[in-house]
Amino acid sequence: MPHSPQPPADVGRYAYDAVDRTFLKQRVEQFRDQVQRRISGALSEDEFKPLRLMNGLYLQLHAYMLRVAIPYGIVSANQMRTLAHIARRYDRDYGHFTTRQNIQFNWIRLEDAPDILNILADAEMHAIQTSGNCIRNVTSDQFAGAARDEVLDPRVHAEILRQWSTLHPEFTFLPRKFKIAISGSVQDRVAARFHDIGLLARKGENGRAVFEVYVGGGLGRTPVIGVKLRDDLPEEDLIAYLEAVLRVYNAYGRRDNIYKARIKILVQALGLGAFRDEVNAEFMAMDRSRYRLQPEVVAAIRARFATPVFEDASAGTAQLAAQTKADPAFATWVGTNTHPHQQDGYCSVTISCKPAGGIPGDVTSAQMDLLADLADQYSFGELRITHLQNVVLGHVRKDNLFALWQVLSANGLGTANIGMITDIIACPGLDYCALANARSIPIAQKLSQRFSNAALQQEIGALRLNISGCINACGHHHAGHIGILGVDKRGEEAFQITLGGNSGEDASIGQIIGSAMSEDETVDAIARIVDTYLVQRKPGERFIETCRRLGAAPFKDAAYATA
């Protein structure tokens, strides 16, 4: 359960105490011994594999990859500088932000891994539960604690879930990995319906916050939209109810077939009614008093997050209006990359990590240092990593936006494309991953260049394009309005196109429209699909709406049309 409160260290970030710090240091030394035994040959790779995965260390095609946890996406400026140091000293000068709000370093030497983990521990960071059949890093709304439509601050409950789930003795070896996402708003900004458990907060009948609970969602080789398990879960029962869900999954989830082991398969096999009955029976039988989140417990966790001291910045709204009127490029960036804030005169800013021709989610050490400096200057020293592989400054005064935009633009971070076709989600693919069938990065770069014209992107409007290098769907291609899946076609890299996916309230799974094509053929096909949309759409209609109205046929015809 949560630790006792103490004065918070950084705005927006949970402040570690002596218990947290001691635990991390002990974990590092334990892993240092395991690494030394692997290097000496005392441990075989088969013996070492589960130990390294417990510490976020993967063996990929060319080197070890270290996946660092960023719980619910919150990172301080000083922690970002630590990540920049690791990129410079131990990697090839960059890191890769992932769809679980983590960061990956792709060129790690085994002998350096304990030192890196020790550096992370000094910065109150770690790589625990970023791999393995356990509860993975809990993800949250990138505008948590700032969004105007927020019912509650989900960082508090995400932290409670982190403490509950970390090394939970009953859930350390689940049938498969388990992913939880939580949003403080009914506006689904976390893809809740594509998680093992998705939580959306809303106001209950008495005005108090309750959670909608979705279960059994997921992507991979069997994409499934999660179903609503509970509509009105009270805050105080959050841990008890999730414990009941996990117990049912742990007891009944299949362990004989890795492809049928996720909770989505169990929910489908039992049916929603039977699964709900099992969960309710477990919930009623347990001693819920041990898990109940009393108001003082939640308040103690909330106290561990420093709250920004906002200034009266209401005059900035008029200044911003004048600046956007004077500079159309700045106005476009404000329109795509800012989000309404709870506080008048402030907004949240999404910084695109997808420049034209760039690698989605990759950030250099110099850019990390710059982001840290900008966070200190403009957003109380706090940043957020999004599940869409971008970075957010949560609390920026509107009268600072123009200066911020100028600095970002001068350093390759000022692209005005959030939610647009070049705001691409992509996994590392065959350039790094041993599981991939095709490279995701080159085709992402070509598509980014193909649609880089800002005016064209504005004309196209909101369009989510996602790319995965294999059926495991780390690039969430099933949830893209347009998805691209890398496949092996008679020993050659090829790509299938899916249409109609969506990860929000009206979640849907993209459907394959035809046979796989080469990389360049796929880029041309997507251009023809977009052209068809621009011709066929009704006034004000977004791509996903046109796609649903017309069906796949006209887009398929365009994709496979010969020149």
Protein backbone atom coordinates (compact mmCIF):
# COMPACT_ATOMS: atom_id res chain seq x y z
CA MET A 1 0.00 0.00 0.00
CA PRO A 2 1.11 3.65 -0.36
CA HIS A 3 4.00 4.97 1.71
CA SER A 4 3.72 7.78 4.26
CA PRO A 5 3.76 11.33 2.83
CA GLN A 6 6.78 13.59 2.63
CA PRO A 7 7.47 16.92 0.94
CA PRO A 8 7.47 16.43 -2.85
CA ALA A 9 10.65 17.05 -4.81
CA ASP A 10 9.53 17.87 -8.37
CA VAL A 11 6.32 19.32 -9.72
CA GLY A 12 4.11 16.66 -11.28
CA ARG A 13 6.32 13.73 -10.27
CA TYR A 14 5.82 11.35 -7.37
CA ALA A 15 8.51 11.94 -4.74
CA TYR A 16 10.43 8.82 -3.73
CA ASP A 17 11.16 8.11 -0.08
CA ALA A 18 13.94 6.11 1.62
CA VAL A 19 12.04 2.85 1.05
CA ASP A 20 11.87 3.43 -2.71
CA ARG A 21 15.52 4.46 -2.99
CA THR A 22 16.87 1.60 -0.88
CA PHE A 23 14.85 -0.92 -2.86
CA LEU A 24 16.21 0.33 -6.19
CA LYS A 25 19.82 0.24 -5.02
CA GLN A 26 19.43 -3.31 -3.71
CA ARG A 27 17.85 -4.36 -7.01
CA VAL A 28 20.79 -2.89 -8.96
CA GLU A 29 23.39 -4.77 -6.93
CA GLN A 30 21.44 -7.98 -7.29
CA PHE A 31 21.43 -7.58 -11.07
CA ARG A 32 25.13 -6.61 -11.10
CA ASP A 33 25.92 -10.00 -9.59
CA GLN A 34 23.73 -11.75 -12.15
CA VAL A 35 25.45 -9.94 -15.04
CA GLN A 36 28.89 -10.85 -13.71
CA ARG A 37 27.86 -14.50 -13.50
CA ARG A 38 26.55 -14.37 -17.08
CA ILE A 39 29.79 -12.83 -18.37
CA SER A 40 31.87 -15.41 -16.50
CA GLY A 41 29.80 -18.26 -17.92
CA ALA A 42 28.37 -19.32 -14.56
CA LEU A 43 24.92 -18.57 -16.01
CA SER A 44 23.85 -19.72 -19.48
CA GLU A 45 21.77 -17.42 -21.69
CA ASP A 46 18.70 -19.54 -20.97
CA GLU A 47 19.28 -19.12 -17.23
CA PHE A 48 20.08 -15.43 -17.56
CA LYS A 49 17.18 -14.50 -19.85
CA PRO A 50 14.40 -14.31 -17.23
CA LEU A 51 16.72 -12.36 -14.91
CA ARG A 52 17.60 -9.73 -17.50
CA LEU A 53 13.99 -9.39 -18.65
CA MET A 54 12.96 -8.64 -15.06
CA ASN A 55 15.31 -5.66 -15.36
CA GLY A 56 14.12 -4.46 -18.75
CA LEU A 57 17.07 -5.82 -20.74
CA TYR A 58 16.30 -7.41 -24.13
CA LEU A 59 18.67 -9.13 -26.54
CA GLN A 60 17.84 -7.81 -30.01
CA LEU A 61 19.35 -8.27 -33.45
CA HIS A 62 22.55 -6.30 -32.95
CA ALA A 63 22.86 -5.46 -29.26
CA TYR A 64 21.06 -5.39 -25.95
CA MET A 65 18.14 -3.00 -25.61
CA LEU A 66 17.28 -1.45 -22.25
CA ARG A 67 13.69 -0.33 -21.73
CA VAL A 68 13.43 2.26 -18.95
CA ALA A 69 10.14 2.72 -17.14
CA ILE A 70 8.56 6.16 -17.06
CA PRO A 71 5.55 5.53 -14.81
CA TYR A 72 2.43 7.12 -16.31
CA GLY A 73 4.74 9.13 -18.58
CA ILE A 74 5.89 11.75 -16.03
CA VAL A 75 9.56 12.70 -16.04
CA SER A 76 11.32 15.65 -14.43
CA ALA A 77 13.79 17.90 -16.21
CA ASN A 78 16.64 16.43 -14.20
CA GLN A 79 15.54 12.90 -15.04
CA MET A 80 15.45 13.83 -18.74
CA ARG A 81 19.04 15.07 -18.40
CA THR A 82 19.95 11.69 -16.90
CA LEU A 83 18.43 9.97 -19.93
CA ALA A 84 20.42 12.29 -22.21
CA HIS A 85 23.61 11.33 -20.36
CA ILE A 86 22.85 7.63 -20.82
CA ALA A 87 22.21 8.17 -24.53
CA ARG A 88 25.57 9.95 -24.96
CA ARG A 89 27.68 7.73 -22.73
CA TYR A 90 26.22 4.27 -23.27
CA ASP A 91 24.19 4.35 -26.50
CA ARG A 92 24.51 5.99 -29.92
CA ASP A 93 23.36 9.43 -28.77
CA TYR A 94 19.60 8.92 -28.89
CA GLY A 95 16.65 7.25 -27.18
CA HIS A 96 13.32 5.98 -28.49
CA PHE A 97 10.01 6.84 -26.82
CA THR A 98 7.55 3.93 -26.84
CA THR A 99 3.80 3.48 -26.88
CA ARG A 100 3.87 2.59 -23.16
CA GLN A 101 5.37 5.98 -22.32
CA ASN A 102 8.78 4.38 -21.74
CA ILE A 103 12.15 5.05 -23.35
CA GLN A 104 14.37 2.45 -25.03
CA PHE A 105 18.11 2.49 -25.59
CA ASN A 106 18.96 0.16 -28.46
CA TRP A 107 22.76 -0.20 -28.31
CA ILE A 108 23.58 -1.25 -24.74
CA ARG A 109 26.57 -3.41 -23.79
CA LEU A 110 25.78 -6.09 -21.24
CA GLU A 111 28.67 -5.12 -18.98
CA ASP A 112 27.34 -1.53 -18.80
CA ALA A 113 23.77 -2.44 -17.86
CA PRO A 114 24.27 -2.45 -14.04
CA ASP A 115 26.02 0.93 -14.15
CA ILE A 116 23.17 2.36 -16.21
CA LEU A 117 20.60 1.02 -13.75
CA ASN A 118 22.60 2.54 -10.90
CA ILE A 119 22.58 5.93 -12.63
CA LEU A 120 18.83 5.57 -13.13
CA ALA A 121 18.35 4.67 -9.45
CA ASP A 122 20.18 7.85 -8.44
CA ALA A 123 17.62 9.74 -10.53
CA GLU A 124 14.72 7.74 -8.98
CA MET A 125 14.16 5.73 -12.15
CA HIS A 126 14.35 2.03 -13.04
CA ALA A 127 13.54 -0.62 -15.65
CA ILE A 128 11.43 -2.94 -13.48
CA GLN A 129 8.34 -4.53 -15.06
CA THR A 130 9.07 -3.18 -18.52
CA SER A 131 9.19 -6.80 -19.68
CA GLY A 132 7.97 -10.24 -18.71
CA ASN A 133 4.63 -11.81 -17.80
CA CYS A 134 3.74 -9.20 -15.23
CA ILE A 135 1.79 -5.97 -14.90
CA ARG A 136 3.67 -3.58 -17.18
CA ASN A 137 4.19 0.17 -16.82
CA VAL A 138 0.78 1.75 -16.15
CA THR A 139 0.05 4.39 -18.78
CA SER A 140 -2.06 7.51 -18.36
CA ASP A 141 -3.47 10.58 -20.01
CA GLN A 142 -0.66 12.84 -21.21
CA PHE A 143 -2.61 15.88 -19.98
CA ALA A 144 -3.15 14.45 -16.49
CA GLY A 145 -3.48 17.12 -13.82
CA ALA A 146 -3.86 19.82 -16.46
CA ALA A 147 -6.75 18.96 -18.82
CA ARG A 148 -9.81 21.16 -18.55
CA ASP A 149 -12.20 18.22 -18.96
CA GLU A 150 -10.58 16.17 -16.18
CA VAL A 151 -12.76 14.55 -13.49
CA LEU A 152 -9.79 13.50 -11.35
CA ASP A 153 -6.01 13.55 -11.63
CA PRO A 154 -5.17 10.03 -12.89
CA ARG A 155 -1.49 10.33 -11.89
CA VAL A 156 -2.52 9.75 -8.29
CA HIS A 157 -4.34 6.51 -9.09
CA ALA A 158 -1.70 5.42 -11.60
CA GLU A 159 0.88 5.76 -8.82
CA ILE A 160 -1.32 3.74 -6.47
CA LEU A 161 -1.58 1.06 -9.17
CA ARG A 162 2.21 1.16 -9.63
CA GLN A 163 2.82 0.56 -5.93
CA TRP A 164 0.18 -2.17 -5.79
CA SER A 165 1.45 -4.00 -8.85
CA THR A 166 5.25 -3.71 -8.47
CA LEU A 167 6.58 -7.19 -7.64
CA HIS A 168 3.12 -8.27 -6.51
CA PRO A 169 3.80 -11.84 -5.33
CA GLU A 170 0.60 -13.22 -6.85
CA PHE A 171 1.07 -11.53 -10.22
CA THR A 172 4.82 -11.79 -10.86
CA PHE A 173 4.37 -14.73 -13.26
CA LEU A 174 1.05 -14.22 -15.02
CA PRO A 175 0.02 -16.27 -18.07
CA ARG A 176 1.20 -13.32 -20.21
CA LYS A 177 2.04 -9.63 -19.94
CA PHE A 178 -0.69 -7.36 -18.59
CA LYS A 179 -1.27 -3.73 -19.53
CA ILE A 180 -3.36 -1.12 -17.70
CA ALA A 181 -4.25 2.41 -18.85
CA ILE A 182 -6.09 5.10 -16.91
CA SER A 183 -7.58 8.42 -17.98
CA GLY A 184 -8.96 11.11 -15.68
CA SER A 185 -11.64 11.94 -18.22
CA VAL A 186 -14.34 10.12 -20.13
CA GLN A 187 -12.51 11.45 -23.19
CA ASP A 188 -10.42 8.42 -24.04
CA ARG A 189 -6.88 9.69 -24.55
CA VAL A 190 -5.22 6.41 -23.51
CA ALA A 191 -6.71 3.83 -25.93
CA ALA A 192 -8.47 2.27 -22.93
CA ARG A 193 -10.43 -0.20 -25.04
CA PHE A 194 -7.23 -1.74 -26.42
CA HIS A 195 -5.80 -2.62 -23.00
CA ASP A 196 -6.11 -5.64 -20.74
CA ILE A 197 -7.75 -3.20 -18.34
CA GLY A 198 -8.75 0.32 -19.33
CA LEU A 199 -10.05 2.84 -16.80
CA LEU A 200 -11.95 6.02 -17.66
CA ALA A 201 -13.01 8.39 -14.86
CA ARG A 202 -16.40 10.08 -14.87
CA LYS A 203 -18.71 11.74 -12.36
CA GLY A 204 -21.12 9.39 -10.60
CA GLU A 205 -24.67 10.11 -9.51
CA ASN A 206 -23.55 11.74 -6.25
CA GLY A 207 -20.95 13.88 -8.01
CA ARG A 208 -18.04 11.73 -6.84
CA ALA A 209 -15.68 10.21 -9.36
CA VAL A 210 -16.23 6.62 -10.48
CA PHE A 211 -14.46 4.50 -13.06
CA GLU A 212 -15.69 2.81 -16.19
CA VAL A 213 -13.75 -0.46 -16.37
CA TYR A 214 -12.96 -2.05 -19.73
CA VAL A 215 -11.39 -5.49 -19.92
CA GLY A 216 -10.06 -7.83 -22.57
CA GLY A 217 -8.80 -5.38 -25.16
CA GLY A 218 -5.55 -5.79 -27.04
CA LEU A 219 -3.80 -5.78 -30.39
CA GLY A 220 -1.22 -8.32 -31.61
CA ARG A 221 -2.14 -11.25 -33.82
CA THR A 222 -5.68 -11.30 -32.36
CA PRO A 223 -6.90 -7.69 -32.10
CA VAL A 224 -9.87 -7.27 -29.77
CA ILE A 225 -11.84 -4.25 -28.55
CA GLY A 226 -12.28 -4.38 -24.78
CA VAL A 227 -15.73 -4.72 -23.27
CA LYS A 228 -17.20 -2.73 -20.40
CA LEU A 229 -16.94 -4.81 -17.23
CA ARG A 230 -18.15 -2.18 -14.81
CA ASP A 231 -19.74 1.23 -15.31
CA ASP A 232 -19.55 2.74 -11.85
CA LEU A 233 -16.58 1.42 -9.86
CA PRO A 234 -16.13 3.61 -6.76
CA GLU A 235 -12.67 5.03 -6.16
CA GLU A 236 -12.31 3.22 -2.82
CA ASP A 237 -12.80 -0.18 -4.50
CA LEU A 238 -10.30 0.36 -7.33
CA ILE A 239 -7.50 -1.87 -6.01
CA ALA A 240 -9.81 -4.58 -4.68
CA TYR A 241 -11.68 -4.85 -7.97
CA LEU A 242 -8.56 -4.95 -10.10
CA GLU A 243 -7.10 -7.54 -7.74
CA ALA A 244 -10.20 -9.67 -8.35
CA VAL A 245 -9.80 -9.33 -12.14
CA LEU A 246 -6.14 -10.34 -11.95
CA ARG A 247 -6.89 -13.31 -9.70
CA VAL A 248 -9.47 -14.64 -12.16
CA TYR A 249 -7.02 -14.19 -15.03
CA ASN A 250 -4.19 -15.81 -13.10
CA ALA A 251 -6.38 -18.77 -12.21
CA TYR A 252 -8.04 -19.38 -15.59
CA GLY A 253 -5.70 -17.84 -18.17
CA ARG A 254 -4.12 -20.39 -20.50
CA ARG A 255 -0.47 -21.27 -20.06
CA ASP A 256 -0.29 -24.03 -22.69
CA ASN A 257 -0.29 -21.68 -25.69
CA ILE A 258 1.48 -18.32 -25.70
CA TYR A 259 -0.83 -17.06 -28.46
CA LYS A 260 -3.96 -17.78 -26.42
CA ALA A 261 -2.71 -16.64 -23.02
CA ARG A 262 -3.80 -12.99 -22.92
CA ILE A 263 -6.86 -12.02 -20.90
CA LYS A 264 -8.68 -11.04 -24.10
CA ILE A 265 -8.79 -14.73 -25.06
CA LEU A 266 -10.11 -15.71 -21.62
CA VAL A 267 -12.89 -13.10 -21.74
CA GLN A 268 -13.91 -14.33 -25.19
CA ALA A 269 -13.81 -17.97 -24.12
CA LEU A 270 -15.92 -17.46 -20.98
CA GLY A 271 -18.14 -14.71 -22.35
CA LEU A 272 -18.52 -11.33 -20.69
CA GLY A 273 -21.33 -12.46 -18.36
CA ALA A 274 -19.48 -15.50 -17.02
CA PHE A 275 -16.23 -13.56 -16.68
CA ARG A 276 -18.02 -10.78 -14.77
CA ASP A 277 -19.61 -13.38 -12.49
CA GLU A 278 -16.18 -14.86 -11.70
CA VAL A 279 -14.75 -11.44 -10.94
CA ASN A 280 -17.70 -10.45 -8.77
CA ALA A 281 -17.51 -13.71 -6.83
CA GLU A 282 -13.80 -13.15 -6.18
CA PHE A 283 -14.44 -9.52 -5.26
CA MET A 284 -17.18 -10.39 -2.76
CA ALA A 285 -15.15 -13.22 -1.18
CA MET A 286 -12.01 -11.18 -0.52
CA ASP A 287 -11.30 -9.07 2.55
CA ARG A 288 -11.91 -5.77 0.81
CA SER A 289 -11.00 -3.76 3.90
CA ARG A 290 -7.34 -4.61 3.21
CA TYR A 291 -7.53 -2.94 -0.19
CA ARG A 292 -9.99 -0.10 0.37
CA LEU A 293 -8.69 3.28 -0.74
CA GLN A 294 -9.72 5.52 2.13
CA PRO A 295 -9.74 9.27 1.42
CA GLU A 296 -6.71 9.80 3.65
CA VAL A 297 -4.75 7.18 1.67
CA VAL A 298 -5.48 8.90 -1.63
CA ALA A 299 -4.70 12.27 -0.05
CA ALA A 300 -1.33 10.94 1.16
CA ILE A 301 -0.38 9.93 -2.36
CA ARG A 302 -1.66 13.20 -3.80
CA ALA A 303 0.53 15.07 -1.31
CA ARG A 304 3.59 13.40 -2.82
CA PHE A 305 2.98 15.29 -6.08
CA ALA A 306 4.01 18.95 -6.04
CA THR A 307 1.34 21.27 -7.44
CA PRO A 308 2.38 24.12 -9.73
CA VAL A 309 1.87 27.63 -8.37
CA PHE A 310 0.07 29.32 -11.24
CA GLU A 311 0.31 33.04 -11.87
CA ASP A 312 -2.39 35.31 -13.17
CA ALA A 313 -1.70 34.88 -16.87
CA SER A 314 -5.14 35.74 -18.21
CA ALA A 315 -3.74 38.67 -20.20
CA GLY A 316 -1.75 36.21 -22.28
CA THR A 317 -4.85 35.12 -24.17
CA ALA A 318 -5.12 38.47 -25.94
CA GLN A 319 -1.39 38.51 -26.65
CA LEU A 320 -1.58 35.03 -28.14
CA ALA A 321 -4.48 36.06 -30.36
CA ALA A 322 -2.41 38.92 -31.78
CA GLN A 323 0.63 36.70 -32.35
CA THR A 324 -1.33 34.00 -34.17
CA LYS A 325 -2.96 36.63 -36.36
CA ALA A 326 0.44 38.01 -37.30
CA ASP A 327 2.16 34.67 -37.99
CA PRO A 328 0.18 31.96 -39.85
CA ALA A 329 2.84 29.26 -39.26
CA PHE A 330 2.70 29.92 -35.52
CA ALA A 331 -1.09 29.89 -35.64
CA THR A 332 -1.03 26.46 -37.29
CA TRP A 333 1.28 25.11 -34.59
CA VAL A 334 -0.92 26.50 -31.82
CA GLY A 335 -3.97 24.96 -33.46
CA THR A 336 -2.46 21.47 -33.70
CA ASN A 337 -0.03 21.25 -30.77
CA THR A 338 -1.82 22.85 -27.79
CA HIS A 339 -4.54 21.54 -25.49
CA PRO A 340 -7.00 23.39 -23.17
CA HIS A 341 -5.77 23.82 -19.59
CA GLN A 342 -7.66 24.03 -16.30
CA GLN A 343 -6.02 27.36 -15.56
CA ASP A 344 -6.90 30.46 -17.56
CA GLY A 345 -3.93 31.83 -19.44
CA TYR A 346 -2.20 28.43 -19.64
CA CYS A 347 -2.27 25.49 -22.04
CA SER A 348 -0.56 22.12 -22.49
CA VAL A 349 1.88 21.85 -25.39
CA THR A 350 2.59 18.66 -27.34
CA ILE A 351 6.08 18.65 -28.83
CA SER A 352 6.25 16.54 -31.96
CA CYS A 353 9.02 13.94 -32.13
CA LYS A 354 8.12 13.32 -35.78
CA PRO A 355 9.88 15.89 -38.01
CA ALA A 356 9.65 15.47 -41.78
CA GLY A 357 11.75 12.46 -42.71
CA GLY A 358 12.55 11.70 -39.07
CA ILE A 359 12.27 8.47 -37.10
CA PRO A 360 9.05 8.53 -35.04
CA GLY A 361 9.78 8.71 -31.31
CA ASP A 362 13.56 9.10 -31.63
CA VAL A 363 15.15 12.00 -29.72
CA THR A 364 18.85 12.85 -29.56
CA SER A 365 20.69 13.56 -26.32
CA ALA A 366 20.98 17.23 -27.31
CA GLN A 367 17.22 17.39 -27.84
CA MET A 368 16.64 15.70 -24.47
CA ASP A 369 18.79 18.33 -22.80
CA LEU A 370 16.90 21.05 -24.64
CA LEU A 371 13.56 19.57 -23.58
CA ALA A 372 14.78 19.57 -19.97
CA ASP A 373 15.82 23.21 -20.23
CA LEU A 374 12.49 24.19 -21.78
CA ALA A 375 10.63 22.32 -19.07
CA ASP A 376 12.54 24.27 -16.43
CA GLN A 377 11.90 27.54 -18.21
CA TYR A 378 8.29 27.12 -19.25
CA SER A 379 6.60 24.21 -17.43
CA PHE A 380 7.74 23.93 -13.81
CA GLY A 381 10.50 21.43 -14.64
CA GLU A 382 8.11 18.68 -15.72
CA LEU A 383 7.58 16.72 -18.95
CA ARG A 384 5.28 13.92 -20.07
CA ILE A 385 5.99 11.15 -22.58
CA THR A 386 2.87 10.23 -24.55
CA HIS A 387 1.75 6.83 -25.79
CA LEU A 388 1.81 8.44 -29.25
CA GLN A 389 5.61 8.85 -28.96
CA ASN A 390 5.66 12.61 -28.40
CA VAL A 391 6.49 14.86 -25.42
CA VAL A 392 4.19 17.23 -23.53
CA LEU A 393 4.90 20.34 -21.50
CA GLY A 394 1.86 20.31 -19.24
CA HIS A 395 1.64 23.89 -17.98
CA VAL A 396 2.77 26.64 -20.36
CA ARG A 397 1.68 30.26 -20.16
CA LYS A 398 0.03 31.37 -23.37
CA ASP A 399 2.21 34.48 -23.48
CA ASN A 400 5.27 32.18 -23.62
CA LEU A 401 4.06 30.09 -26.53
CA PHE A 402 5.65 32.15 -29.29
CA ALA A 403 9.11 32.12 -27.69
CA LEU A 404 8.79 28.39 -27.00
CA TRP A 405 7.77 27.68 -30.60
CA GLN A 406 10.74 29.61 -31.96
CA VAL A 407 13.21 27.57 -29.90
CA LEU A 408 11.53 24.28 -30.81
CA SER A 409 11.46 25.15 -34.51
CA ALA A 410 15.17 25.98 -34.47
CA ASN A 411 15.96 22.56 -33.01
CA GLY A 412 13.84 20.19 -35.10
CA LEU A 413 11.03 19.93 -32.56
CA GLY A 414 8.57 22.50 -33.86
CA THR A 415 6.61 20.40 -36.35
CA ALA A 416 2.92 21.33 -36.38
CA ASN A 417 1.52 17.87 -37.03
CA ILE A 418 -0.09 16.48 -33.88
CA GLY A 419 -2.98 14.25 -34.94
CA MET A 420 -2.03 14.64 -38.59
CA ILE A 421 -0.89 12.04 -41.13
CA THR A 422 2.81 12.59 -40.34
CA ASP A 423 2.29 12.14 -36.59
CA ILE A 424 3.12 8.49 -37.25
CA ILE A 425 3.35 5.76 -34.61
CA ALA A 426 6.02 3.23 -35.55
CA CYS A 427 7.85 0.42 -33.80
CA PRO A 428 11.63 -0.03 -34.34
CA GLY A 429 10.93 -2.93 -36.73
CA LEU A 430 13.51 -5.11 -38.42
CA ASP A 431 16.27 -2.55 -37.98
CA TYR A 432 16.47 -3.74 -34.36
CA CYS A 433 13.82 -6.30 -33.41
CA ALA A 434 14.41 -10.03 -33.88
CA LEU A 435 10.65 -10.65 -34.11
CA ALA A 436 9.98 -8.25 -36.98
CA ASN A 437 9.34 -9.23 -40.58
CA ALA A 438 10.01 -5.81 -42.11
CA ARG A 439 11.54 -2.46 -41.33
CA SER A 440 9.11 0.13 -40.01
CA ILE A 441 11.49 3.08 -39.95
CA PRO A 442 12.27 3.61 -43.68
CA ILE A 443 8.64 3.51 -44.76
CA ALA A 444 7.69 5.87 -41.93
CA GLN A 445 10.37 8.29 -43.11
CA LYS A 446 9.20 8.10 -46.74
CA LEU A 447 5.57 8.70 -45.78
CA SER A 448 6.59 11.58 -43.53
CA GLN A 449 8.42 13.19 -46.45
CA ARG A 450 5.61 12.44 -48.89
CA PHE A 451 3.07 14.34 -46.76
CA SER A 452 5.40 16.93 -45.23
CA ASN A 453 3.72 19.93 -46.85
CA ALA A 454 1.98 21.77 -44.00
CA ALA A 455 -0.86 23.04 -46.18
CA LEU A 456 -1.55 19.52 -47.45
CA GLN A 457 -1.67 18.16 -43.91
CA GLN A 458 -4.15 20.85 -42.89
CA GLU A 459 -6.27 20.01 -45.93
CA ILE A 460 -6.25 16.30 -45.01
CA GLY A 461 -7.05 17.01 -41.37
CA ALA A 462 -7.03 14.48 -38.54
CA LEU A 463 -5.66 11.14 -39.72
CA ARG A 464 -3.91 8.52 -37.61
CA LEU A 465 -1.25 6.47 -39.49
CA ASN A 466 0.39 3.61 -37.56
CA ILE A 467 3.10 1.16 -38.64
CA SER A 468 4.11 -2.23 -37.18
CA GLY A 469 7.00 -4.39 -38.35
CA CYS A 470 5.18 -7.63 -37.47
CA ILE A 471 1.90 -9.09 -36.27
CA ASN A 472 2.77 -8.33 -32.63
CA ALA A 473 1.50 -4.82 -33.44
CA CYS A 474 3.88 -2.76 -31.29
CA GLY A 475 3.12 0.11 -33.69
CA HIS A 476 -0.64 -0.25 -33.07
CA HIS A 477 -1.40 -0.60 -36.79
CA HIS A 478 -4.83 -2.13 -36.06
CA ALA A 479 -5.85 1.09 -34.28
CA GLY A 480 -4.74 3.43 -37.07
CA HIS A 481 -7.19 5.04 -39.45
CA ILE A 482 -4.62 3.76 -41.90
CA GLY A 483 -2.41 0.94 -40.65
CA ILE A 484 0.65 -0.66 -42.18
CA LEU A 485 1.78 -4.18 -41.25
CA GLY A 486 5.17 -5.53 -42.24
CA VAL A 487 5.10 -9.12 -43.51
CA ASP A 488 7.47 -11.62 -45.07
CA LYS A 489 6.45 -12.24 -48.68
CA ARG A 490 8.48 -15.10 -50.08
CA GLY A 491 11.58 -13.94 -48.24
CA GLU A 492 11.13 -10.25 -49.09
CA GLU A 493 9.90 -7.40 -46.91
CA ALA A 494 6.37 -6.37 -47.83
CA PHE A 495 3.49 -4.41 -46.33
CA GLN A 496 -0.24 -4.88 -45.91
CA ILE A 497 -2.57 -1.88 -45.54
CA THR A 498 -5.45 -1.78 -43.06
CA LEU A 499 -8.25 0.77 -43.01
CA GLY A 500 -10.80 1.92 -40.47
CA GLY A 501 -9.08 1.47 -37.13
CA ASN A 502 -9.65 3.88 -34.25
CA SER A 503 -8.58 3.90 -30.61
CA GLY A 504 -11.04 6.37 -29.07
CA GLU A 505 -14.60 6.13 -27.77
CA ASP A 506 -15.81 4.67 -31.08
CA ALA A 507 -12.99 2.12 -31.15
CA SER A 508 -12.66 -0.07 -34.22
CA ILE A 509 -10.14 -2.50 -35.68
CA GLY A 510 -8.63 -1.78 -39.08
CA GLN A 511 -9.24 -4.38 -41.75
CA ILE A 512 -6.72 -5.58 -44.36
CA ILE A 513 -7.76 -4.36 -47.81
CA GLY A 514 -5.62 -6.58 -50.00
CA SER A 515 -2.35 -8.32 -50.72
CA ALA A 516 1.02 -7.08 -49.50
CA MET A 517 3.09 -4.65 -51.56
CA SER A 518 6.66 -3.43 -51.63
CA GLU A 519 7.71 -0.41 -49.60
CA ASP A 520 7.54 2.09 -52.45
CA GLU A 521 4.29 0.60 -53.77
CA THR A 522 2.77 0.99 -50.31
CA VAL A 523 3.77 4.65 -50.06
CA ASP A 524 2.18 5.33 -53.47
CA ALA A 525 -0.93 3.34 -52.52
CA ILE A 526 -1.45 5.39 -49.36
CA ALA A 527 -1.09 8.60 -51.37
CA ARG A 528 -3.87 7.37 -53.68
CA ILE A 529 -6.03 6.41 -50.70
CA VAL A 530 -5.66 9.94 -49.30
CA ASP A 531 -6.43 11.47 -52.70
CA THR A 532 -9.61 9.38 -52.86
CA TYR A 533 -10.63 10.66 -49.44
CA LEU A 534 -10.06 14.29 -50.47
CA VAL A 535 -12.29 13.81 -53.51
CA GLN A 536 -15.02 11.74 -51.83
CA ARG A 537 -15.38 13.38 -48.41
CA LYS A 538 -18.36 15.51 -47.44
CA PRO A 539 -17.82 19.00 -45.98
CA GLY A 540 -16.30 18.78 -42.50
CA GLU A 541 -15.88 15.01 -42.70
CA ARG A 542 -12.73 13.44 -41.23
CA PHE A 543 -10.94 10.52 -42.89
CA ILE A 544 -12.31 7.91 -40.47
CA GLU A 545 -15.85 9.17 -41.05
CA THR A 546 -15.50 9.05 -44.83
CA CYS A 547 -13.97 5.59 -44.59
CA ARG A 548 -16.87 4.31 -42.51
CA ARG A 549 -19.46 5.92 -44.78
CA LEU A 550 -18.02 4.60 -48.03
CA GLY A 551 -16.54 1.32 -46.85
CA ALA A 552 -13.21 -0.05 -48.01
CA ALA A 553 -14.06 -0.64 -51.70
CA PRO A 554 -13.19 2.77 -53.23
CA PHE A 555 -9.99 2.98 -51.20
CA LYS A 556 -8.98 -0.54 -52.18
CA ASP A 557 -9.59 0.26 -55.82
CA ALA A 558 -7.39 3.34 -55.50
CA ALA A 559 -4.65 1.51 -53.59
CA TYR A 560 -4.30 -1.21 -56.20
CA ALA A 561 -4.85 0.95 -59.27
CA THR A 562 -2.06 0.64 -61.83
CA ALA A 563 -0.24 3.76 -62.93
